[in-house]
Amino acid sequence: MNAKTNRLAEEEIKAIMRAADGIIANEGRTLLAKILKGSREKKVLQLELDRCPVYGFYKSEKLDGIMEKIDWMVDHDFLDIKYSGKLPMIIYTE
């Protein structure tokens, strides 16, 4: 993230939105971060999320940093969180 503006670059916003496509309303921000990180975790591979065009977009970043970017997307109304029981799911905003 650009420290001066605290805004994500357009390319980052598009990548995060694209990664969310495959899990929208079914999974949460942790799995979204793992897609963007390029995780080889069993669930990511089982759901074939490694086929996402932006899989590994943030491969050189730490998971915590990727989560901060996702939180920025939620805070700025690009994405939202809806609860399914006690589980938070990533959804699109209007």
PDB file of N, CA and C in Angstrom:
ATOM      1  N   MET A   1       0.840  -1.183   0.000  1.00  0.00           N
ATOM      2  CA  MET A   1       0.000   0.000   0.000  1.00  0.00           C
ATOM      3  C   MET A   1       0.879   1.238   0.000  1.00  0.00           C
ATOM      4  N   ASN A   2       0.449   2.237  -0.695  1.00  0.00           N
ATOM      5  CA  ASN A   2       1.174   3.493  -0.735  1.00  0.00           C
ATOM      6  C   ASN A   2       0.964   4.216   0.596  1.00  0.00           C
ATOM      7  N   ALA A   3       2.016   4.409   1.334  1.00  0.00           N
ATOM      8  CA  ALA A   3       1.919   4.990   2.676  1.00  0.00           C
ATOM      9  C   ALA A   3       1.375   6.417   2.660  1.00  0.00           C
ATOM     10  N   LYS A   4       1.666   7.163   1.600  1.00  0.00           N
ATOM     11  CA  LYS A   4       1.222   8.564   1.553  1.00  0.00           C
ATOM     12  C   LYS A   4      -0.292   8.680   1.393  1.00  0.00           C
ATOM     13  N   THR A   5      -0.857   7.904   0.481  1.00  0.00           N
ATOM     14  CA  THR A   5      -2.291   8.037   0.216  1.00  0.00           C
ATOM     15  C   THR A   5      -3.102   6.960   0.916  1.00  0.00           C
ATOM     16  N   ASN A   6      -2.416   5.885   1.365  1.00  0.00           N
ATOM     17  CA  ASN A   6      -3.101   4.762   1.986  1.00  0.00           C
ATOM     18  C   ASN A   6      -4.150   4.165   1.053  1.00  0.00           C
ATOM     19  N   ARG A   7      -3.929   4.312  -0.235  1.00  0.00           N
ATOM     20  CA  ARG A   7      -4.868   3.780  -1.217  1.00  0.00           C
ATOM     21  C   ARG A   7      -4.179   2.685  -2.017  1.00  0.00           C
ATOM     22  N   LEU A   8      -4.934   1.662  -2.331  1.00  0.00           N
ATOM     23  CA  LEU A   8      -4.390   0.603  -3.174  1.00  0.00           C
ATOM     24  C   LEU A   8      -4.345   1.068  -4.623  1.00  0.00           C
ATOM     25  N   ALA A   9      -3.372   0.588  -5.357  1.00  0.00           N
ATOM     26  CA  ALA A   9      -3.284   0.893  -6.784  1.00  0.00           C
ATOM     27  C   ALA A   9      -4.443   0.213  -7.506  1.00  0.00           C
ATOM     28  N   GLU A  10      -4.843   0.791  -8.630  1.00  0.00           N
ATOM     29  CA  GLU A  10      -5.943   0.241  -9.435  1.00  0.00           C
ATOM     30  C   GLU A  10      -5.698  -1.236  -9.768  1.00  0.00           C
ATOM     31  N   GLU A  11      -4.458  -1.568 -10.098  1.00  0.00           N
ATOM     32  CA  GLU A  11      -4.097  -2.951 -10.438  1.00  0.00           C
ATOM     33  C   GLU A  11      -4.347  -3.886  -9.246  1.00  0.00           C
ATOM     34  N   GLU A  12      -4.046  -3.409  -8.036  1.00  0.00           N
ATOM     35  CA  GLU A  12      -4.264  -4.216  -6.835  1.00  0.00           C
ATOM     36  C   GLU A  12      -5.758  -4.418  -6.573  1.00  0.00           C
ATOM     37  N   ILE A  13      -6.534  -3.363  -6.731  1.00  0.00           N
ATOM     38  CA  ILE A  13      -7.985  -3.446  -6.529  1.00  0.00           C
ATOM     39  C   ILE A  13      -8.573  -4.473  -7.493  1.00  0.00           C
ATOM     40  N   LYS A  14      -8.170  -4.398  -8.762  1.00  0.00           N
ATOM     41  CA  LYS A  14      -8.676  -5.343  -9.767  1.00  0.00           C
ATOM     42  C   LYS A  14      -8.261  -6.776  -9.445  1.00  0.00           C
ATOM     43  N   ALA A  15      -7.029  -6.968  -8.994  1.00  0.00           N
ATOM     44  CA  ALA A  15      -6.542  -8.311  -8.665  1.00  0.00           C
ATOM     45  C   ALA A  15      -7.323  -8.903  -7.487  1.00  0.00           C
ATOM     46  N   ILE A  16      -7.562  -8.100  -6.471  1.00  0.00           N
ATOM     47  CA  ILE A  16      -8.302  -8.588  -5.302  1.00  0.00           C
ATOM     48  C   ILE A  16      -9.740  -8.917  -5.685  1.00  0.00           C
ATOM     49  N   MET A  17     -10.362  -8.066  -6.480  1.00  0.00           N
ATOM     50  CA  MET A  17     -11.735  -8.333  -6.935  1.00  0.00           C
ATOM     51  C   MET A  17     -11.783  -9.609  -7.783  1.00  0.00           C
ATOM     52  N   ARG A  18     -10.784  -9.795  -8.633  1.00  0.00           N
ATOM     53  CA  ARG A  18     -10.735 -10.979  -9.498  1.00  0.00           C
ATOM     54  C   ARG A  18     -10.554 -12.239  -8.658  1.00  0.00           C
ATOM     55  N   ALA A  19      -9.698 -12.173  -7.657  1.00  0.00           N
ATOM     56  CA  ALA A  19      -9.483 -13.321  -6.776  1.00  0.00           C
ATOM     57  C   ALA A  19     -10.751 -13.646  -5.987  1.00  0.00           C
ATOM     58  N   ALA A  20     -11.531 -12.633  -5.646  1.00  0.00           N
ATOM     59  CA  ALA A  20     -12.768 -12.834  -4.887  1.00  0.00           C
ATOM     60  C   ALA A  20     -13.837 -13.536  -5.717  1.00  0.00           C
ATOM     61  N   ASP A  21     -13.771 -13.406  -7.046  1.00  0.00           N
ATOM     62  CA  ASP A  21     -14.784 -14.011  -7.924  1.00  0.00           C
ATOM     63  C   ASP A  21     -15.044 -15.476  -7.613  1.00  0.00           C
ATOM     64  N   GLY A  22     -13.985 -16.238  -7.400  1.00  0.00           N
ATOM     65  CA  GLY A  22     -14.120 -17.675  -7.211  1.00  0.00           C
ATOM     66  C   GLY A  22     -14.658 -18.113  -5.861  1.00  0.00           C
ATOM     67  N   ILE A  23     -14.704 -17.197  -4.905  1.00  0.00           N
ATOM     68  CA  ILE A  23     -15.118 -17.594  -3.549  1.00  0.00           C
ATOM     69  C   ILE A  23     -16.246 -16.733  -2.994  1.00  0.00           C
ATOM     70  N   ILE A  24     -16.743 -15.790  -3.781  1.00  0.00           N
ATOM     71  CA  ILE A  24     -17.712 -14.814  -3.281  1.00  0.00           C
ATOM     72  C   ILE A  24     -18.913 -15.508  -2.628  1.00  0.00           C
ATOM     73  N   ALA A  25     -19.281 -15.050  -1.454  1.00  0.00           N
ATOM     74  CA  ALA A  25     -20.412 -15.548  -0.659  1.00  0.00           C
ATOM     75  C   ALA A  25     -20.227 -16.989  -0.175  1.00  0.00           C
ATOM     76  N   ASN A  26     -19.066 -17.593  -0.410  1.00  0.00           N
ATOM     77  CA  ASN A  26     -18.818 -18.965   0.040  1.00  0.00           C
ATOM     78  C   ASN A  26     -17.653 -19.075   1.013  1.00  0.00           C
ATOM     79  N   GLU A  27     -16.727 -18.134   0.938  1.00  0.00           N
ATOM     80  CA  GLU A  27     -15.513 -18.209   1.759  1.00  0.00           C
ATOM     81  C   GLU A  27     -15.199 -16.833   2.332  1.00  0.00           C
ATOM     82  N   GLY A  28     -14.192 -16.806   3.193  1.00  0.00           N
ATOM     83  CA  GLY A  28     -13.842 -15.565   3.877  1.00  0.00           C
ATOM     84  C   GLY A  28     -12.537 -14.951   3.414  1.00  0.00           C
ATOM     85  N   ARG A  29     -12.140 -13.926   4.133  1.00  0.00           N
ATOM     86  CA  ARG A  29     -10.964 -13.148   3.745  1.00  0.00           C
ATOM     87  C   ARG A  29      -9.658 -13.911   3.883  1.00  0.00           C
ATOM     88  N   THR A  30      -9.596 -14.881   4.780  1.00  0.00           N
ATOM     89  CA  THR A  30      -8.359 -15.656   4.937  1.00  0.00           C
ATOM     90  C   THR A  30      -8.071 -16.455   3.671  1.00  0.00           C
ATOM     91  N   LEU A  31      -9.104 -17.123   3.136  1.00  0.00           N
ATOM     92  CA  LEU A  31      -8.897 -17.890   1.906  1.00  0.00           C
ATOM     93  C   LEU A  31      -8.595 -16.952   0.735  1.00  0.00           C
ATOM     94  N   LEU A  32      -9.238 -15.799   0.703  1.00  0.00           N
ATOM     95  CA  LEU A  32      -8.961 -14.810  -0.333  1.00  0.00           C
ATOM     96  C   LEU A  32      -7.478 -14.400  -0.275  1.00  0.00           C
ATOM     97  N   ALA A  33      -6.990 -14.170   0.924  1.00  0.00           N
ATOM     98  CA  ALA A  33      -5.577 -13.799   1.087  1.00  0.00           C
ATOM     99  C   ALA A  33      -4.657 -14.932   0.632  1.00  0.00           C
ATOM    100  N   LYS A  34      -5.051 -16.163   0.899  1.00  0.00           N
ATOM    101  CA  LYS A  34      -4.235 -17.313   0.501  1.00  0.00           C
ATOM    102  C   LYS A  34      -4.179 -17.476  -1.016  1.00  0.00           C
ATOM    103  N   ILE A  35      -5.261 -17.147  -1.706  1.00  0.00           N
ATOM    104  CA  ILE A  35      -5.259 -17.173  -3.183  1.00  0.00           C
ATOM    105  C   ILE A  35      -4.246 -16.142  -3.685  1.00  0.00           C
ATOM    106  N   LEU A  36      -4.341 -14.939  -3.147  1.00  0.00           N
ATOM    107  CA  LEU A  36      -3.462 -13.849  -3.582  1.00  0.00           C
ATOM    108  C   LEU A  36      -2.001 -14.117  -3.224  1.00  0.00           C
ATOM    109  N   LYS A  37      -1.782 -14.848  -2.144  1.00  0.00           N
ATOM    110  CA  LYS A  37      -0.429 -15.201  -1.714  1.00  0.00           C
ATOM    111  C   LYS A  37       0.157 -16.318  -2.593  1.00  0.00           C
ATOM    112  N   GLY A  38      -0.740 -17.145  -3.154  1.00  0.00           N
ATOM    113  CA  GLY A  38      -0.278 -18.294  -3.937  1.00  0.00           C
ATOM    114  C   GLY A  38      -0.062 -19.512  -3.062  1.00  0.00           C
ATOM    115  N   SER A  39      -0.877 -19.639  -2.022  1.00  0.00           N
ATOM    116  CA  SER A  39      -0.751 -20.750  -1.073  1.00  0.00           C
ATOM    117  C   SER A  39      -0.981 -22.100  -1.757  1.00  0.00           C
ATOM    118  N   ARG A  40      -0.235 -23.099  -1.300  1.00  0.00           N
ATOM    119  CA  ARG A  40      -0.404 -24.468  -1.797  1.00  0.00           C
ATOM    120  C   ARG A  40      -1.208 -25.281  -0.779  1.00  0.00           C
ATOM    121  N   GLU A  41      -1.928 -24.588   0.108  1.00  0.00           N
ATOM    122  CA  GLU A  41      -2.731 -25.255   1.137  1.00  0.00           C
ATOM    123  C   GLU A  41      -3.766 -26.167   0.485  1.00  0.00           C
ATOM    124  N   LYS A  42      -4.063 -27.272   1.164  1.00  0.00           N
ATOM    125  CA  LYS A  42      -4.967 -28.296   0.638  1.00  0.00           C
ATOM    126  C   LYS A  42      -6.304 -27.721   0.136  1.00  0.00           C
ATOM    127  N   LYS A  43      -6.933 -26.864   0.928  1.00  0.00           N
ATOM    128  CA  LYS A  43      -8.248 -26.322   0.537  1.00  0.00           C
ATOM    129  C   LYS A  43      -8.154 -25.488  -0.737  1.00  0.00           C
ATOM    130  N   VAL A  44      -7.104 -24.698  -0.857  1.00  0.00           N
ATOM    131  CA  VAL A  44      -6.906 -23.868  -2.056  1.00  0.00           C
ATOM    132  C   VAL A  44      -6.818 -24.773  -3.292  1.00  0.00           C
ATOM    133  N   LEU A  45      -6.059 -25.851  -3.174  1.00  0.00           N
ATOM    134  CA  LEU A  45      -5.868 -26.769  -4.297  1.00  0.00           C
ATOM    135  C   LEU A  45      -7.123 -27.599  -4.574  1.00  0.00           C
ATOM    136  N   GLN A  46      -7.817 -28.035  -3.516  1.00  0.00           N
ATOM    137  CA  GLN A  46      -9.052 -28.820  -3.686  1.00  0.00           C
ATOM    138  C   GLN A  46     -10.109 -28.025  -4.444  1.00  0.00           C
ATOM    139  N   LEU A  47     -10.227 -26.749  -4.121  1.00  0.00           N
ATOM    140  CA  LEU A  47     -11.214 -25.885  -4.773  1.00  0.00           C
ATOM    141  C   LEU A  47     -10.701 -25.352  -6.118  1.00  0.00           C
ATOM    142  N   GLU A  48      -9.491 -25.784  -6.498  1.00  0.00           N
ATOM    143  CA  GLU A  48      -8.840 -25.368  -7.748  1.00  0.00           C
ATOM    144  C   GLU A  48      -8.681 -23.856  -7.858  1.00  0.00           C
ATOM    145  N   LEU A  49      -8.481 -23.217  -6.712  1.00  0.00           N
ATOM    146  CA  LEU A  49      -8.308 -21.766  -6.689  1.00  0.00           C
ATOM    147  C   LEU A  49      -6.931 -21.361  -7.207  1.00  0.00           C
ATOM    148  N   ASP A  50      -6.040 -22.341  -7.344  1.00  0.00           N
ATOM    149  CA  ASP A  50      -4.723 -22.071  -7.924  1.00  0.00           C
ATOM    150  C   ASP A  50      -4.825 -21.827  -9.436  1.00  0.00           C
ATOM    151  N   ARG A  51      -6.010 -22.024  -9.996  1.00  0.00           N
ATOM    152  CA  ARG A  51      -6.238 -21.740 -11.422  1.00  0.00           C
ATOM    153  C   ARG A  51      -6.691 -20.299 -11.655  1.00  0.00           C
ATOM    154  N   CYS A  52      -6.941 -19.580 -10.584  1.00  0.00           N
ATOM    155  CA  CYS A  52      -7.358 -18.175 -10.679  1.00  0.00           C
ATOM    156  C   CYS A  52      -6.248 -17.372 -11.366  1.00  0.00           C
ATOM    157  N   PRO A  53      -6.617 -16.497 -12.313  1.00  0.00           N
ATOM    158  CA  PRO A  53      -5.608 -15.712 -13.038  1.00  0.00           C
ATOM    159  C   PRO A  53      -4.704 -14.854 -12.148  1.00  0.00           C
ATOM    160  N   VAL A  54      -5.173 -14.481 -10.966  1.00  0.00           N
ATOM    161  CA  VAL A  54      -4.361 -13.644 -10.074  1.00  0.00           C
ATOM    162  C   VAL A  54      -3.812 -14.440  -8.888  1.00  0.00           C
ATOM    163  N   TYR A  55      -3.860 -15.761  -8.966  1.00  0.00           N
ATOM    164  CA  TYR A  55      -3.280 -16.623  -7.934  1.00  0.00           C
ATOM    165  C   TYR A  55      -1.799 -16.271  -7.812  1.00  0.00           C
ATOM    166  N   GLY A  56      -1.363 -15.964  -6.591  1.00  0.00           N
ATOM    167  CA  GLY A  56       0.037 -15.615  -6.370  1.00  0.00           C
ATOM    168  C   GLY A  56       0.387 -14.168  -6.687  1.00  0.00           C
ATOM    169  N   PHE A  57      -0.616 -13.323  -6.896  1.00  0.00           N
ATOM    170  CA  PHE A  57      -0.394 -11.908  -7.217  1.00  0.00           C
ATOM    171  C   PHE A  57       0.517 -11.242  -6.185  1.00  0.00           C
ATOM    172  N   TYR A  58       0.324 -11.588  -4.921  1.00  0.00           N
ATOM    173  CA  TYR A  58       1.140 -11.026  -3.830  1.00  0.00           C
ATOM    174  C   TYR A  58       2.093 -12.079  -3.260  1.00  0.00           C
ATOM    175  N   LYS A  59       2.675 -12.923  -4.102  1.00  0.00           N
ATOM    176  CA  LYS A  59       3.497 -14.043  -3.605  1.00  0.00           C
ATOM    177  C   LYS A  59       4.660 -13.607  -2.726  1.00  0.00           C
ATOM    178  N   SER A  60       5.173 -12.401  -2.920  1.00  0.00           N
ATOM    179  CA  SER A  60       6.320 -11.950  -2.124  1.00  0.00           C
ATOM    180  C   SER A  60       5.908 -11.229  -0.839  1.00  0.00           C
ATOM    181  N   GLU A  61       4.606 -11.113  -0.598  1.00  0.00           N
ATOM    182  CA  GLU A  61       4.133 -10.396   0.599  1.00  0.00           C
ATOM    183  C   GLU A  61       3.743 -11.368   1.705  1.00  0.00           C
ATOM    184  N   LYS A  62       3.736 -10.859   2.932  1.00  0.00           N
ATOM    185  CA  LYS A  62       3.297 -11.660   4.079  1.00  0.00           C
ATOM    186  C   LYS A  62       1.766 -11.696   4.105  1.00  0.00           C
ATOM    187  N   LEU A  63       1.217 -12.794   4.617  1.00  0.00           N
ATOM    188  CA  LEU A  63      -0.238 -12.955   4.685  1.00  0.00           C
ATOM    189  C   LEU A  63      -0.903 -11.811   5.442  1.00  0.00           C
ATOM    190  N   ASP A  64      -0.280 -11.345   6.531  1.00  0.00           N
ATOM    191  CA  ASP A  64      -0.852 -10.226   7.307  1.00  0.00           C
ATOM    192  C   ASP A  64      -1.002  -8.968   6.454  1.00  0.00           C
ATOM    193  N   GLY A  65      -0.006  -8.697   5.623  1.00  0.00           N
ATOM    194  CA  GLY A  65      -0.061  -7.533   4.740  1.00  0.00           C
ATOM    195  C   GLY A  65      -1.161  -7.660   3.701  1.00  0.00           C
ATOM    196  N   ILE A  66      -1.358  -8.855   3.203  1.00  0.00           N
ATOM    197  CA  ILE A  66      -2.427  -9.101   2.220  1.00  0.00           C
ATOM    198  C   ILE A  66      -3.786  -8.924   2.896  1.00  0.00           C
ATOM    199  N   MET A  67      -3.902  -9.400   4.129  1.00  0.00           N
ATOM    200  CA  MET A  67      -5.153  -9.242   4.881  1.00  0.00           C
ATOM    201  C   MET A  67      -5.467  -7.757   5.090  1.00  0.00           C
ATOM    202  N   GLU A  68      -4.438  -6.947   5.331  1.00  0.00           N
ATOM    203  CA  GLU A  68      -4.643  -5.503   5.489  1.00  0.00           C
ATOM    204  C   GLU A  68      -5.205  -4.904   4.201  1.00  0.00           C
ATOM    205  N   LYS A  69      -4.720  -5.364   3.059  1.00  0.00           N
ATOM    206  CA  LYS A  69      -5.222  -4.866   1.775  1.00  0.00           C
ATOM    207  C   LYS A  69      -6.688  -5.271   1.577  1.00  0.00           C
ATOM    208  N   ILE A  70      -7.027  -6.485   1.972  1.00  0.00           N
ATOM    209  CA  ILE A  70      -8.423  -6.947   1.874  1.00  0.00           C
ATOM    210  C   ILE A  70      -9.297  -6.127   2.814  1.00  0.00           C
ATOM    211  N   ASP A  71      -8.800  -5.863   4.021  1.00  0.00           N
ATOM    212  CA  ASP A  71      -9.547  -5.019   4.962  1.00  0.00           C
ATOM    213  C   ASP A  71      -9.751  -3.618   4.389  1.00  0.00           C
ATOM    214  N   TRP A  72      -8.740  -3.107   3.684  1.00  0.00           N
ATOM    215  CA  TRP A  72      -8.871  -1.803   3.033  1.00  0.00           C
ATOM    216  C   TRP A  72     -10.013  -1.856   2.011  1.00  0.00           C
ATOM    217  N   MET A  73     -10.092  -2.956   1.272  1.00  0.00           N
ATOM    218  CA  MET A  73     -11.163  -3.123   0.275  1.00  0.00           C
ATOM    219  C   MET A  73     -12.539  -3.124   0.941  1.00  0.00           C
ATOM    220  N   VAL A  74     -12.630  -3.739   2.119  1.00  0.00           N
ATOM    221  CA  VAL A  74     -13.890  -3.760   2.871  1.00  0.00           C
ATOM    222  C   VAL A  74     -14.198  -2.357   3.402  1.00  0.00           C
ATOM    223  N   ASP A  75     -13.181  -1.715   3.986  1.00  0.00           N
ATOM    224  CA  ASP A  75     -13.365  -0.362   4.549  1.00  0.00           C
ATOM    225  C   ASP A  75     -13.782   0.661   3.492  1.00  0.00           C
ATOM    226  N   HIS A  76     -13.367   0.445   2.246  1.00  0.00           N
ATOM    227  CA  HIS A  76     -13.668   1.393   1.173  1.00  0.00           C
ATOM    228  C   HIS A  76     -14.769   0.897   0.239  1.00  0.00           C
ATOM    229  N   ASP A  77     -15.579  -0.028   0.742  1.00  0.00           N
ATOM    230  CA  ASP A  77     -16.806  -0.478   0.066  1.00  0.00           C
ATOM    231  C   ASP A  77     -16.620  -1.160  -1.288  1.00  0.00           C
ATOM    232  N   PHE A  78     -15.483  -1.803  -1.501  1.00  0.00           N
ATOM    233  CA  PHE A  78     -15.316  -2.626  -2.693  1.00  0.00           C
ATOM    234  C   PHE A  78     -15.854  -4.028  -2.404  1.00  0.00           C
ATOM    235  N   LEU A  79     -15.614  -4.485  -1.179  1.00  0.00           N
ATOM    236  CA  LEU A  79     -16.084  -5.792  -0.719  1.00  0.00           C
ATOM    237  C   LEU A  79     -16.762  -5.596   0.628  1.00  0.00           C
ATOM    238  N   ASP A  80     -17.526  -6.606   1.045  1.00  0.00           N
ATOM    239  CA  ASP A  80     -18.160  -6.549   2.354  1.00  0.00           C
ATOM    240  C   ASP A  80     -18.080  -7.934   2.979  1.00  0.00           C
ATOM    241  N   ILE A  81     -18.449  -8.004   4.226  1.00  0.00           N
ATOM    242  CA  ILE A  81     -18.454  -9.271   4.946  1.00  0.00           C
ATOM    243  C   ILE A  81     -19.874  -9.529   5.423  1.00  0.00           C
ATOM    244  N   LYS A  82     -20.381 -10.721   5.083  1.00  0.00           N
ATOM    245  CA  LYS A  82     -21.718 -11.142   5.489  1.00  0.00           C
ATOM    246  C   LYS A  82     -21.528 -12.428   6.281  1.00  0.00           C
ATOM    247  N   TYR A  83     -22.261 -12.556   7.366  1.00  0.00           N
ATOM    248  CA  TYR A  83     -22.102 -13.750   8.193  1.00  0.00           C
ATOM    249  C   TYR A  83     -23.076 -14.838   7.776  1.00  0.00           C
ATOM    250  N   SER A  84     -22.529 -16.042   7.660  1.00  0.00           N
ATOM    251  CA  SER A  84     -23.321 -17.240   7.425  1.00  0.00           C
ATOM    252  C   SER A  84     -23.182 -18.037   8.716  1.00  0.00           C
ATOM    253  N   GLY A  85     -24.165 -17.892   9.604  1.00  0.00           N
ATOM    254  CA  GLY A  85     -24.009 -18.427  10.951  1.00  0.00           C
ATOM    255  C   GLY A  85     -22.936 -17.607  11.643  1.00  0.00           C
ATOM    256  N   LYS A  86     -21.873 -18.267  12.084  1.00  0.00           N
ATOM    257  CA  LYS A  86     -20.780 -17.537  12.727  1.00  0.00           C
ATOM    258  C   LYS A  86     -19.618 -17.295  11.769  1.00  0.00           C
ATOM    259  N   LEU A  87     -19.735 -17.796  10.548  1.00  0.00           N
ATOM    260  CA  LEU A  87     -18.632 -17.683   9.590  1.00  0.00           C
ATOM    261  C   LEU A  87     -18.754 -16.437   8.715  1.00  0.00           C
ATOM    262  N   PRO A  88     -17.715 -15.598   8.716  1.00  0.00           N
ATOM    263  CA  PRO A  88     -17.745 -14.406   7.863  1.00  0.00           C
ATOM    264  C   PRO A  88     -17.410 -14.755   6.411  1.00  0.00           C
ATOM    265  N   MET A  89     -18.269 -14.330   5.488  1.00  0.00           N
ATOM    266  CA  MET A  89     -18.071 -14.582   4.071  1.00  0.00           C
ATOM    267  C   MET A  89     -17.840 -13.264   3.334  1.00  0.00           C
ATOM    268  N   ILE A  90     -16.939 -13.297   2.355  1.00  0.00           N
ATOM    269  CA  ILE A  90     -16.685 -12.118   1.522  1.00  0.00           C
ATOM    270  C   ILE A  90     -17.816 -12.000   0.492  1.00  0.00           C
ATOM    271  N   ILE A  91     -18.370 -10.808   0.353  1.00  0.00           N
ATOM    272  CA  ILE A  91     -19.394 -10.556  -0.666  1.00  0.00           C
ATOM    273  C   ILE A  91     -19.058  -9.237  -1.379  1.00  0.00           C
ATOM    274  N   TYR A  92     -19.679  -9.046  -2.529  1.00  0.00           N
ATOM    275  CA  TYR A  92     -19.541  -7.775  -3.238  1.00  0.00           C
ATOM    276  C   TYR A  92     -20.475  -6.744  -2.616  1.00  0.00           C
ATOM    277  N   THR A  93     -20.106  -5.478  -2.722  1.00  0.00           N
ATOM    278  CA  THR A  93     -21.005  -4.407  -2.297  1.00  0.00           C
ATOM    279  C   THR A  93     -21.871  -4.028  -3.488  1.00  0.00           C
ATOM    280  N   GLU A  94     -22.836  -3.177  -3.244  1.00  0.00           N
ATOM    281  CA  GLU A  94     -23.699  -2.708  -4.347  1.00  0.00           C
ATOM    282  C   GLU A  94     -22.850  -1.991  -5.377  1.00  0.00           C
TER     283      GLU A  94
END
